[in-house]
Amino acid sequence: MSRERPRRLNLPPAQENIEKLEKVINEGNFYGAQQMYKSISARYASAQRYPEALDILHSGACLQLKNNQITCGAELAVLFVETLVKGKTPYDDNSLDCIRKIYKMFPQIPVPHNLGPDDDEQKLAEALGAAKLRVEGCSSFLKAAIKWSIEFGANRHGAPELHAMLAAYIYSESPELDMARVSYHFVRGDNLKKFASTLVNFMGKCYPGEDDLAIARAVLMYLSMGNLGDANDIMDEVKEQMEAKNLEFPESDLIHFISFLLQTVERDALPLFNMLRINYKPSIDREPTFNEYLDDIAEKFFGVQRRSPFQGMFGEFFRMM
């Protein structure tokens, strides 16, 4: 029995609906417009007129975000990506540019991290809540976009530019900064200089003793992916940027370990690698994930097989969480 072909609904050009919905937004009826964006775009998608459905959702996401309607805008942004998937839209410059335009509409507002004696606690709580909402909305959108890019043409980690966008937004907007999460996306991104400047900025305001952890984490993450070139480059770039700002590069046992590790990986010297892990164990154990990264490095650069084939998979999962 042949499958019934979808009916070609009698729908007007998408631009007519875009203009109509823009008027609803301009009147301040954001919730009403939201329901219309969702229902109207669904009709075009059902008729397999995916480019027009995408145009409607793109316009809606940008307008809602422009009007600081973060929840509505983020929801339409995610629907936009879901429609990219439904329409089997390839990962290319045009689709990436559409995602980039939505991303740029997410507000970027400095978040107060310290409460002074004269600050209004209620206003601060509201600002932190709004920041969390922005980060969650933008993260949901870009994570969906990264997943789409993997399926439709990018590399196995997803589009590097999308990772760089997500890392930058998390760092600038998160009220509770998680540098491990920021670094996870930067090492999969395409903007090493931005990553280095973020690390330098972080080191200027982090707690004492966290600066070397941030540098070591970045290097180990690159190496765990088999990326020796960027592991060396991030060290050099951070040193260069700190020198330009007359800042002192951190010196600690952990930094010494990282420096020796980079030389050891280049030399393909497994016995020396194992010796370094033993001698610098107290420094390595300062962060639990470092040993997992080193197991990845041993496998990628020295061919050391893991005791369990699932170890790396679960390690990657927990690092993401």
C-alpha atoms as a PDB file:
ATOM      1  CA  MET A   1       0.000   0.000   0.000  1.00  0.00           C
ATOM      2  CA  SER A   2       1.523   3.321  -1.053  1.00  0.00           C
ATOM      3  CA  ARG A   3       1.944   6.033   1.535  1.00  0.00           C
ATOM      4  CA  GLU A   4      -0.365   9.012   1.198  1.00  0.00           C
ATOM      5  CA  ARG A   5       1.532  12.120   0.148  1.00  0.00           C
ATOM      6  CA  PRO A   6       1.110  15.155   2.414  1.00  0.00           C
ATOM      7  CA  ARG A   7      -1.498  17.607   1.223  1.00  0.00           C
ATOM      8  CA  ARG A   8      -0.253  20.827  -0.274  1.00  0.00           C
ATOM      9  CA  LEU A   9      -2.137  23.273   1.893  1.00  0.00           C
ATOM     10  CA  ASN A  10      -3.306  26.515   0.396  1.00  0.00           C
ATOM     11  CA  LEU A  11      -1.084  28.844   2.402  1.00  0.00           C
ATOM     12  CA  PRO A  12      -0.179  32.454   1.593  1.00  0.00           C
ATOM     13  CA  PRO A  13       3.440  33.513   1.135  1.00  0.00           C
ATOM     14  CA  ALA A  14       5.238  33.427   4.484  1.00  0.00           C
ATOM     15  CA  GLN A  15       6.007  37.159   4.306  1.00  0.00           C
ATOM     16  CA  GLU A  16       2.318  37.983   4.734  1.00  0.00           C
ATOM     17  CA  ASN A  17       2.237  36.145   8.056  1.00  0.00           C
ATOM     18  CA  ILE A  18       5.583  37.600   9.118  1.00  0.00           C
ATOM     19  CA  GLU A  19       4.254  41.143   8.645  1.00  0.00           C
ATOM     20  CA  LYS A  20       0.983  40.333  10.411  1.00  0.00           C
ATOM     21  CA  LEU A  21       2.766  38.813  13.394  1.00  0.00           C
ATOM     22  CA  GLU A  22       5.189  41.714  13.596  1.00  0.00           C
ATOM     23  CA  LYS A  23       2.202  44.021  14.128  1.00  0.00           C
ATOM     24  CA  VAL A  24       0.998  41.812  16.995  1.00  0.00           C
ATOM     25  CA  ILE A  25       4.460  42.033  18.578  1.00  0.00           C
ATOM     26  CA  ASN A  26       4.564  45.821  18.147  1.00  0.00           C
ATOM     27  CA  GLU A  27       1.217  46.057  19.946  1.00  0.00           C
ATOM     28  CA  GLY A  28       2.827  44.345  22.933  1.00  0.00           C
ATOM     29  CA  ASN A  29       0.830  41.114  22.678  1.00  0.00           C
ATOM     30  CA  PHE A  30       3.883  38.869  23.065  1.00  0.00           C
ATOM     31  CA  TYR A  31       2.029  35.799  24.353  1.00  0.00           C
ATOM     32  CA  GLY A  32      -0.626  35.959  21.649  1.00  0.00           C
ATOM     33  CA  ALA A  33       2.042  36.361  18.983  1.00  0.00           C
ATOM     34  CA  GLN A  34       3.932  33.395  20.425  1.00  0.00           C
ATOM     35  CA  GLN A  35       0.998  31.048  19.973  1.00  0.00           C
ATOM     36  CA  MET A  36       0.462  32.311  16.438  1.00  0.00           C
ATOM     37  CA  TYR A  37       4.134  31.863  15.503  1.00  0.00           C
ATOM     38  CA  LYS A  38       3.979  28.268  16.676  1.00  0.00           C
ATOM     39  CA  SER A  39       0.698  27.340  15.030  1.00  0.00           C
ATOM     40  CA  ILE A  40       1.313  29.118  11.712  1.00  0.00           C
ATOM     41  CA  SER A  41       4.856  27.788  11.306  1.00  0.00           C
ATOM     42  CA  ALA A  42       3.537  24.285  12.063  1.00  0.00           C
ATOM     43  CA  ARG A  43       1.122  24.562   9.112  1.00  0.00           C
ATOM     44  CA  TYR A  44       3.965  25.391   6.712  1.00  0.00           C
ATOM     45  CA  ALA A  45       6.050  22.548   8.117  1.00  0.00           C
ATOM     46  CA  SER A  46       3.126  20.108   7.736  1.00  0.00           C
ATOM     47  CA  ALA A  47       2.888  21.166   4.102  1.00  0.00           C
ATOM     48  CA  GLN A  48       6.655  20.527   3.822  1.00  0.00           C
ATOM     49  CA  ARG A  49       7.216  24.208   3.039  1.00  0.00           C
ATOM     50  CA  TYR A  50      10.153  24.199   5.413  1.00  0.00           C
ATOM     51  CA  PRO A  51      11.981  27.325   4.136  1.00  0.00           C
ATOM     52  CA  GLU A  52       8.879  29.412   4.825  1.00  0.00           C
ATOM     53  CA  ALA A  53       8.332  27.807   8.235  1.00  0.00           C
ATOM     54  CA  LEU A  54      11.946  28.651   9.022  1.00  0.00           C
ATOM     55  CA  ASP A  55      11.499  32.259   7.915  1.00  0.00           C
ATOM     56  CA  ILE A  56       8.499  32.671  10.228  1.00  0.00           C
ATOM     57  CA  LEU A  57      10.245  31.115  13.232  1.00  0.00           C
ATOM     58  CA  HIS A  58      13.448  33.070  12.597  1.00  0.00           C
ATOM     59  CA  SER A  59      11.553  36.352  12.465  1.00  0.00           C
ATOM     60  CA  GLY A  60       9.617  35.481  15.603  1.00  0.00           C
ATOM     61  CA  ALA A  61      12.668  34.445  17.622  1.00  0.00           C
ATOM     62  CA  CYS A  62      14.534  37.618  16.704  1.00  0.00           C
ATOM     63  CA  LEU A  63      11.569  39.904  17.454  1.00  0.00           C
ATOM     64  CA  GLN A  64      10.751  38.306  20.787  1.00  0.00           C
ATOM     65  CA  LEU A  65      14.387  38.468  21.895  1.00  0.00           C
ATOM     66  CA  LYS A  66      14.667  42.058  20.673  1.00  0.00           C
ATOM     67  CA  ASN A  67      11.779  42.881  22.974  1.00  0.00           C
ATOM     68  CA  ASN A  68      13.496  41.062  25.865  1.00  0.00           C
ATOM     69  CA  GLN A  69      10.979  38.206  25.804  1.00  0.00           C
ATOM     70  CA  ILE A  70      13.654  35.610  26.561  1.00  0.00           C
ATOM     71  CA  THR A  71      11.443  32.594  27.241  1.00  0.00           C
ATOM     72  CA  CYS A  72       9.367  33.164  24.088  1.00  0.00           C
ATOM     73  CA  GLY A  73      12.374  33.951  21.935  1.00  0.00           C
ATOM     74  CA  ALA A  74      14.344  30.938  23.130  1.00  0.00           C
ATOM     75  CA  GLU A  75      11.371  28.649  22.528  1.00  0.00           C
ATOM     76  CA  LEU A  76      11.012  29.860  18.927  1.00  0.00           C
ATOM     77  CA  ALA A  77      14.789  29.600  18.458  1.00  0.00           C
ATOM     78  CA  VAL A  78      14.701  25.939  19.497  1.00  0.00           C
ATOM     79  CA  LEU A  79      11.690  25.346  17.213  1.00  0.00           C
ATOM     80  CA  PHE A  80      13.716  26.921  14.415  1.00  0.00           C
ATOM     81  CA  VAL A  81      16.462  24.338  14.915  1.00  0.00           C
ATOM     82  CA  GLU A  82      13.931  21.502  15.186  1.00  0.00           C
ATOM     83  CA  THR A  83      12.519  22.615  11.833  1.00  0.00           C
ATOM     84  CA  LEU A  84      16.026  22.612  10.357  1.00  0.00           C
ATOM     85  CA  VAL A  85      16.145  18.950  11.355  1.00  0.00           C
ATOM     86  CA  LYS A  86      12.660  18.134  10.037  1.00  0.00           C
ATOM     87  CA  GLY A  87      13.467  19.772   6.718  1.00  0.00           C
ATOM     88  CA  LYS A  88      16.855  18.010   6.601  1.00  0.00           C
ATOM     89  CA  THR A  89      18.485  21.394   6.089  1.00  0.00           C
ATOM     90  CA  PRO A  90      22.209  21.018   5.424  1.00  0.00           C
ATOM     91  CA  TYR A  91      24.827  22.649   7.597  1.00  0.00           C
ATOM     92  CA  ASP A  92      26.132  25.467   5.400  1.00  0.00           C
ATOM     93  CA  ASP A  93      26.919  29.187   5.468  1.00  0.00           C
ATOM     94  CA  ASN A  94      23.292  30.229   4.970  1.00  0.00           C
ATOM     95  CA  SER A  95      21.852  28.139   7.790  1.00  0.00           C
ATOM     96  CA  LEU A  96      24.753  29.050  10.074  1.00  0.00           C
ATOM     97  CA  ASP A  97      24.165  32.738   9.366  1.00  0.00           C
ATOM     98  CA  CYS A  98      20.523  32.401  10.443  1.00  0.00           C
ATOM     99  CA  ILE A  99      21.614  30.816  13.725  1.00  0.00           C
ATOM    100  CA  ARG A 100      24.229  33.521  14.185  1.00  0.00           C
ATOM    101  CA  LYS A 101      21.591  36.264  13.784  1.00  0.00           C
ATOM    102  CA  ILE A 102      19.325  34.712  16.431  1.00  0.00           C
ATOM    103  CA  TYR A 103      22.291  34.304  18.792  1.00  0.00           C
ATOM    104  CA  LYS A 104      23.182  37.983  18.472  1.00  0.00           C
ATOM    105  CA  MET A 105      19.671  38.927  19.603  1.00  0.00           C
ATOM    106  CA  PHE A 106      20.088  37.270  23.011  1.00  0.00           C
ATOM    107  CA  PRO A 107      20.677  40.162  25.442  1.00  0.00           C
ATOM    108  CA  GLN A 108      24.130  40.540  26.961  1.00  0.00           C
ATOM    109  CA  ILE A 109      23.856  42.328  30.294  1.00  0.00           C
ATOM    110  CA  PRO A 110      26.662  42.571  32.882  1.00  0.00           C
ATOM    111  CA  VAL A 111      25.777  40.471  35.915  1.00  0.00           C
ATOM    112  CA  PRO A 112      26.661  41.758  39.410  1.00  0.00           C
ATOM    113  CA  HIS A 113      28.669  39.015  41.131  1.00  0.00           C
ATOM    114  CA  ASN A 114      29.270  40.704  44.490  1.00  0.00           C
ATOM    115  CA  LEU A 115      26.707  42.169  46.831  1.00  0.00           C
ATOM    116  CA  GLY A 116      27.735  45.474  48.374  1.00  0.00           C
ATOM    117  CA  PRO A 117      26.305  46.842  51.658  1.00  0.00           C
ATOM    118  CA  ASP A 118      24.145  49.420  49.901  1.00  0.00           C
ATOM    119  CA  ASP A 119      22.837  47.165  47.136  1.00  0.00           C
ATOM    120  CA  ASP A 120      19.175  46.363  46.852  1.00  0.00           C
ATOM    121  CA  GLU A 121      19.035  42.605  47.504  1.00  0.00           C
ATOM    122  CA  GLN A 122      15.708  42.267  45.705  1.00  0.00           C
ATOM    123  CA  LYS A 123      17.045  43.943  42.564  1.00  0.00           C
ATOM    124  CA  LEU A 124      20.170  41.791  42.681  1.00  0.00           C
ATOM    125  CA  ALA A 125      18.097  38.621  43.026  1.00  0.00           C
ATOM    126  CA  GLU A 126      16.013  39.671  40.033  1.00  0.00           C
ATOM    127  CA  ALA A 127      19.134  40.410  37.976  1.00  0.00           C
ATOM    128  CA  LEU A 128      20.625  37.009  38.808  1.00  0.00           C
ATOM    129  CA  GLY A 129      17.346  35.251  37.993  1.00  0.00           C
ATOM    130  CA  ALA A 130      17.155  37.040  34.639  1.00  0.00           C
ATOM    131  CA  ALA A 131      20.770  36.104  33.876  1.00  0.00           C
ATOM    132  CA  LYS A 132      20.092  32.456  34.622  1.00  0.00           C
ATOM    133  CA  LEU A 133      17.055  32.559  32.335  1.00  0.00           C
ATOM    134  CA  ARG A 134      19.126  34.048  29.492  1.00  0.00           C
ATOM    135  CA  VAL A 135      21.860  31.433  29.847  1.00  0.00           C
ATOM    136  CA  GLU A 136      19.383  28.551  29.958  1.00  0.00           C
ATOM    137  CA  GLY A 137      17.531  29.854  26.898  1.00  0.00           C
ATOM    138  CA  CYS A 138      20.622  30.506  24.813  1.00  0.00           C
ATOM    139  CA  SER A 139      22.196  27.203  25.886  1.00  0.00           C
ATOM    140  CA  SER A 140      19.121  25.203  24.881  1.00  0.00           C
ATOM    141  CA  PHE A 141      19.118  26.897  21.479  1.00  0.00           C
ATOM    142  CA  LEU A 142      22.828  26.462  20.748  1.00  0.00           C
ATOM    143  CA  LYS A 143      23.000  22.891  22.081  1.00  0.00           C
ATOM    144  CA  ALA A 144      20.164  21.967  19.723  1.00  0.00           C
ATOM    145  CA  ALA A 145      21.990  23.752  16.899  1.00  0.00           C
ATOM    146  CA  ILE A 146      25.220  21.878  17.661  1.00  0.00           C
ATOM    147  CA  LYS A 147      23.357  18.571  17.588  1.00  0.00           C
ATOM    148  CA  TRP A 148      21.763  19.522  14.237  1.00  0.00           C
ATOM    149  CA  SER A 149      25.156  20.493  12.802  1.00  0.00           C
ATOM    150  CA  ILE A 150      26.617  17.090  13.728  1.00  0.00           C
ATOM    151  CA  GLU A 151      23.802  15.324  11.901  1.00  0.00           C
ATOM    152  CA  PHE A 152      23.838  17.504   8.794  1.00  0.00           C
ATOM    153  CA  GLY A 153      27.421  18.189   7.820  1.00  0.00           C
ATOM    154  CA  ALA A 154      29.702  19.487  10.583  1.00  0.00           C
ATOM    155  CA  ASN A 155      32.433  17.441  12.267  1.00  0.00           C
ATOM    156  CA  ARG A 156      31.662  14.842  14.933  1.00  0.00           C
ATOM    157  CA  HIS A 157      31.898  17.424  17.728  1.00  0.00           C
ATOM    158  CA  GLY A 158      29.579  19.894  15.995  1.00  0.00           C
ATOM    159  CA  ALA A 159      30.114  23.253  14.326  1.00  0.00           C
ATOM    160  CA  PRO A 160      33.129  24.976  15.960  1.00  0.00           C
ATOM    161  CA  GLU A 161      31.589  28.436  15.664  1.00  0.00           C
ATOM    162  CA  LEU A 162      28.512  27.305  17.586  1.00  0.00           C
ATOM    163  CA  HIS A 163      30.670  25.940  20.389  1.00  0.00           C
ATOM    164  CA  ALA A 164      32.583  29.231  20.542  1.00  0.00           C
ATOM    165  CA  MET A 165      29.302  31.191  20.695  1.00  0.00           C
ATOM    166  CA  LEU A 166      28.001  29.055  23.544  1.00  0.00           C
ATOM    167  CA  ALA A 167      31.252  29.270  25.521  1.00  0.00           C
ATOM    168  CA  ALA A 168      31.387  33.058  25.199  1.00  0.00           C
ATOM    169  CA  TYR A 169      27.744  33.500  26.233  1.00  0.00           C
ATOM    170  CA  ILE A 170      28.011  31.205  29.244  1.00  0.00           C
ATOM    171  CA  TYR A 171      31.106  33.056  30.422  1.00  0.00           C
ATOM    172  CA  SER A 172      29.692  36.552  29.985  1.00  0.00           C
ATOM    173  CA  GLU A 173      26.191  35.891  31.327  1.00  0.00           C
ATOM    174  CA  SER A 174      26.348  33.118  33.949  1.00  0.00           C
ATOM    175  CA  PRO A 175      25.786  34.333  37.517  1.00  0.00           C
ATOM    176  CA  GLU A 176      27.539  31.165  38.778  1.00  0.00           C
ATOM    177  CA  LEU A 177      30.548  30.709  36.534  1.00  0.00           C
ATOM    178  CA  ASP A 178      31.568  27.168  35.596  1.00  0.00           C
ATOM    179  CA  MET A 179      34.911  27.375  33.791  1.00  0.00           C
ATOM    180  CA  ALA A 180      34.921  23.635  33.102  1.00  0.00           C
ATOM    181  CA  ARG A 181      31.743  24.064  31.064  1.00  0.00           C
ATOM    182  CA  VAL A 182      33.084  27.159  29.330  1.00  0.00           C
ATOM    183  CA  SER A 183      36.345  25.396  28.470  1.00  0.00           C
ATOM    184  CA  TYR A 184      34.504  22.294  27.216  1.00  0.00           C
ATOM    185  CA  HIS A 185      32.928  24.351  24.445  1.00  0.00           C
ATOM    186  CA  PHE A 186      35.926  26.576  23.726  1.00  0.00           C
ATOM    187  CA  VAL A 187      38.186  23.576  23.001  1.00  0.00           C
ATOM    188  CA  ARG A 188      35.623  22.427  20.442  1.00  0.00           C
ATOM    189  CA  GLY A 189      35.371  25.936  19.039  1.00  0.00           C
ATOM    190  CA  ASP A 190      37.313  27.907  16.477  1.00  0.00           C
ATOM    191  CA  ASN A 191      38.429  30.959  18.461  1.00  0.00           C
ATOM    192  CA  LEU A 192      41.560  30.153  20.443  1.00  0.00           C
ATOM    193  CA  LYS A 193      42.447  33.820  20.987  1.00  0.00           C
ATOM    194  CA  LYS A 194      39.030  34.448  22.525  1.00  0.00           C
ATOM    195  CA  PHE A 195      39.513  31.392  24.723  1.00  0.00           C
ATOM    196  CA  ALA A 196      42.896  32.710  25.865  1.00  0.00           C
ATOM    197  CA  SER A 197      41.503  36.172  26.633  1.00  0.00           C
ATOM    198  CA  THR A 198      38.668  34.535  28.594  1.00  0.00           C
ATOM    199  CA  LEU A 199      41.186  32.553  30.648  1.00  0.00           C
ATOM    200  CA  VAL A 200      43.221  35.699  31.334  1.00  0.00           C
ATOM    201  CA  ASN A 201      40.076  37.560  32.361  1.00  0.00           C
ATOM    202  CA  PHE A 202      39.028  34.692  34.618  1.00  0.00           C
ATOM    203  CA  MET A 203      42.449  34.534  36.272  1.00  0.00           C
ATOM    204  CA  GLY A 204      42.107  38.200  37.179  1.00  0.00           C
ATOM    205  CA  LYS A 205      39.015  37.580  39.287  1.00  0.00           C
ATOM    206  CA  CYS A 206      39.138  33.925  40.379  1.00  0.00           C
ATOM    207  CA  TYR A 207      39.935  32.683  43.866  1.00  0.00           C
ATOM    208  CA  PRO A 208      43.643  32.277  44.706  1.00  0.00           C
ATOM    209  CA  GLY A 209      44.954  28.971  43.434  1.00  0.00           C
ATOM    210  CA  GLU A 210      42.359  28.568  40.674  1.00  0.00           C
ATOM    211  CA  ASP A 211      44.370  30.310  37.950  1.00  0.00           C
ATOM    212  CA  ASP A 212      46.696  27.361  37.291  1.00  0.00           C
ATOM    213  CA  LEU A 213      43.725  24.977  37.328  1.00  0.00           C
ATOM    214  CA  ALA A 214      42.076  26.933  34.504  1.00  0.00           C
ATOM    215  CA  ILE A 215      45.202  26.785  32.315  1.00  0.00           C
ATOM    216  CA  ALA A 216      45.862  23.101  33.068  1.00  0.00           C
ATOM    217  CA  ARG A 217      42.242  22.194  32.312  1.00  0.00           C
ATOM    218  CA  ALA A 218      42.394  23.899  28.917  1.00  0.00           C
ATOM    219  CA  VAL A 219      45.612  22.124  27.917  1.00  0.00           C
ATOM    220  CA  LEU A 220      44.404  18.730  29.141  1.00  0.00           C
ATOM    221  CA  MET A 221      41.089  19.112  27.318  1.00  0.00           C
ATOM    222  CA  TYR A 222      42.850  19.845  24.033  1.00  0.00           C
ATOM    223  CA  LEU A 223      45.238  16.917  24.516  1.00  0.00           C
ATOM    224  CA  SER A 224      42.409  14.542  25.474  1.00  0.00           C
ATOM    225  CA  MET A 225      40.956  15.248  22.018  1.00  0.00           C
ATOM    226  CA  GLY A 226      44.318  14.519  20.390  1.00  0.00           C
ATOM    227  CA  ASN A 227      44.844  18.199  19.599  1.00  0.00           C
ATOM    228  CA  LEU A 228      48.511  18.812  20.479  1.00  0.00           C
ATOM    229  CA  GLY A 229      48.793  21.927  18.295  1.00  0.00           C
ATOM    230  CA  ASP A 230      46.096  23.913  20.101  1.00  0.00           C
ATOM    231  CA  ALA A 231      47.290  22.606  23.487  1.00  0.00           C
ATOM    232  CA  ASN A 232      50.641  24.269  22.846  1.00  0.00           C
ATOM    233  CA  ASP A 233      49.045  27.346  21.289  1.00  0.00           C
ATOM    234  CA  ILE A 234      46.719  28.041  24.217  1.00  0.00           C
ATOM    235  CA  MET A 235      49.702  28.076  26.601  1.00  0.00           C
ATOM    236  CA  ASP A 236      51.638  30.419  24.319  1.00  0.00           C
ATOM    237  CA  GLU A 237      48.667  32.716  23.726  1.00  0.00           C
ATOM    238  CA  VAL A 238      47.829  33.023  27.420  1.00  0.00           C
ATOM    239  CA  LYS A 239      51.462  33.838  28.222  1.00  0.00           C
ATOM    240  CA  GLU A 240      51.564  36.426  25.431  1.00  0.00           C
ATOM    241  CA  GLN A 241      48.338  38.127  26.519  1.00  0.00           C
ATOM    242  CA  MET A 242      49.396  38.190  30.170  1.00  0.00           C
ATOM    243  CA  GLU A 243      52.771  39.656  29.263  1.00  0.00           C
ATOM    244  CA  ALA A 244      51.056  42.365  27.216  1.00  0.00           C
ATOM    245  CA  LYS A 245      49.023  43.300  30.301  1.00  0.00           C
ATOM    246  CA  ASN A 246      52.028  43.151  32.625  1.00  0.00           C
ATOM    247  CA  LEU A 247      50.539  40.197  34.480  1.00  0.00           C
ATOM    248  CA  GLU A 248      52.525  37.330  35.936  1.00  0.00           C
ATOM    249  CA  PHE A 249      51.956  33.883  34.494  1.00  0.00           C
ATOM    250  CA  PRO A 250      51.166  31.475  37.362  1.00  0.00           C
ATOM    251  CA  GLU A 251      53.966  29.232  38.549  1.00  0.00           C
ATOM    252  CA  SER A 252      53.023  26.075  40.418  1.00  0.00           C
ATOM    253  CA  ASP A 253      53.741  22.352  40.444  1.00  0.00           C
ATOM    254  CA  LEU A 254      50.667  21.853  38.271  1.00  0.00           C
ATOM    255  CA  ILE A 255      51.927  24.293  35.635  1.00  0.00           C
ATOM    256  CA  HIS A 256      55.325  22.579  35.696  1.00  0.00           C
ATOM    257  CA  PHE A 257      53.566  19.253  35.137  1.00  0.00           C
ATOM    258  CA  ILE A 258      51.636  20.660  32.161  1.00  0.00           C
ATOM    259  CA  SER A 259      54.835  22.044  30.624  1.00  0.00           C
ATOM    260  CA  PHE A 260      56.623  18.691  31.000  1.00  0.00           C
ATOM    261  CA  LEU A 261      53.538  16.867  29.706  1.00  0.00           C
ATOM    262  CA  LEU A 262      53.491  18.849  26.450  1.00  0.00           C
ATOM    263  CA  GLN A 263      57.157  18.002  25.847  1.00  0.00           C
ATOM    264  CA  THR A 264      56.579  14.338  26.717  1.00  0.00           C
ATOM    265  CA  VAL A 265      53.654  13.960  24.306  1.00  0.00           C
ATOM    266  CA  GLU A 266      55.766  15.424  21.513  1.00  0.00           C
ATOM    267  CA  ARG A 267      58.534  12.917  22.255  1.00  0.00           C
ATOM    268  CA  ASP A 268      56.209   9.886  22.400  1.00  0.00           C
ATOM    269  CA  ALA A 269      57.793   8.828  25.707  1.00  0.00           C
ATOM    270  CA  LEU A 270      55.322   6.630  27.595  1.00  0.00           C
ATOM    271  CA  PRO A 271      57.663   5.770  30.540  1.00  0.00           C
ATOM    272  CA  LEU A 272      58.250   9.467  31.162  1.00  0.00           C
ATOM    273  CA  PHE A 273      54.499  10.112  30.911  1.00  0.00           C
ATOM    274  CA  ASN A 274      53.820   7.483  33.597  1.00  0.00           C
ATOM    275  CA  MET A 275      56.589   8.878  35.796  1.00  0.00           C
ATOM    276  CA  LEU A 276      55.118  12.382  35.547  1.00  0.00           C
ATOM    277  CA  ARG A 277      51.716  11.090  36.661  1.00  0.00           C
ATOM    278  CA  ILE A 278      53.297   9.515  39.732  1.00  0.00           C
ATOM    279  CA  ASN A 279      55.551  12.430  40.668  1.00  0.00           C
ATOM    280  CA  TYR A 280      52.858  15.085  40.237  1.00  0.00           C
ATOM    281  CA  LYS A 281      49.941  13.060  41.607  1.00  0.00           C
ATOM    282  CA  PRO A 282      49.086  15.542  44.411  1.00  0.00           C
ATOM    283  CA  SER A 283      48.814  18.369  41.872  1.00  0.00           C
ATOM    284  CA  ILE A 284      46.839  16.276  39.394  1.00  0.00           C
ATOM    285  CA  ASP A 285      44.417  15.143  42.101  1.00  0.00           C
ATOM    286  CA  ARG A 286      43.400  18.735  42.808  1.00  0.00           C
ATOM    287  CA  GLU A 287      40.674  18.244  40.189  1.00  0.00           C
ATOM    288  CA  PRO A 288      39.120  14.760  39.789  1.00  0.00           C
ATOM    289  CA  THR A 289      38.572  15.031  36.026  1.00  0.00           C
ATOM    290  CA  PHE A 290      42.290  15.530  35.336  1.00  0.00           C
ATOM    291  CA  ASN A 291      43.034  11.810  35.713  1.00  0.00           C
ATOM    292  CA  GLU A 292      40.247  11.044  33.243  1.00  0.00           C
ATOM    293  CA  TYR A 293      41.787  13.443  30.747  1.00  0.00           C
ATOM    294  CA  LEU A 294      45.186  11.837  31.261  1.00  0.00           C
ATOM    295  CA  ASP A 295      43.708   8.409  30.549  1.00  0.00           C
ATOM    296  CA  ASP A 296      42.353   9.846  27.286  1.00  0.00           C
ATOM    297  CA  ILE A 297      45.805  11.266  26.489  1.00  0.00           C
ATOM    298  CA  ALA A 298      47.505   7.940  27.226  1.00  0.00           C
ATOM    299  CA  GLU A 299      45.142   6.239  24.801  1.00  0.00           C
ATOM    300  CA  LYS A 300      45.416   8.813  22.032  1.00  0.00           C
ATOM    301  CA  PHE A 301      49.155   9.488  22.102  1.00  0.00           C
ATOM    302  CA  PHE A 302      50.643   6.287  23.515  1.00  0.00           C
ATOM    303  CA  GLY A 303      48.114   3.617  22.515  1.00  0.00           C
ATOM    304  CA  VAL A 304      47.368   2.609  26.106  1.00  0.00           C
ATOM    305  CA  GLN A 305      44.061   0.727  26.109  1.00  0.00           C
ATOM    306  CA  ARG A 306      41.564   1.474  28.835  1.00  0.00           C
ATOM    307  CA  ARG A 307      40.593  -1.261  31.243  1.00  0.00           C
ATOM    308  CA  SER A 308      36.974  -0.770  30.188  1.00  0.00           C
ATOM    309  CA  PRO A 309      35.824   0.328  26.710  1.00  0.00           C
ATOM    310  CA  PHE A 310      33.043   2.328  28.410  1.00  0.00           C
ATOM    311  CA  GLN A 311      35.384   4.301  30.676  1.00  0.00           C
ATOM    312  CA  GLY A 312      36.044   7.072  28.177  1.00  0.00           C
ATOM    313  CA  MET A 313      32.392   7.287  27.164  1.00  0.00           C
ATOM    314  CA  PHE A 314      31.165   7.695  30.733  1.00  0.00           C
ATOM    315  CA  GLY A 315      34.010  10.053  31.565  1.00  0.00           C
ATOM    316  CA  GLU A 316      33.013  12.339  28.690  1.00  0.00           C
ATOM    317  CA  PHE A 317      29.372  12.192  29.789  1.00  0.00           C
ATOM    318  CA  PHE A 318      30.153  13.160  33.390  1.00  0.00           C
ATOM    319  CA  ARG A 319      32.471  15.956  32.278  1.00  0.00           C
ATOM    320  CA  MET A 320      29.663  17.403  30.169  1.00  0.00           C
ATOM    321  CA  MET A 321      27.233  17.161  33.096  1.00  0.00           C
END
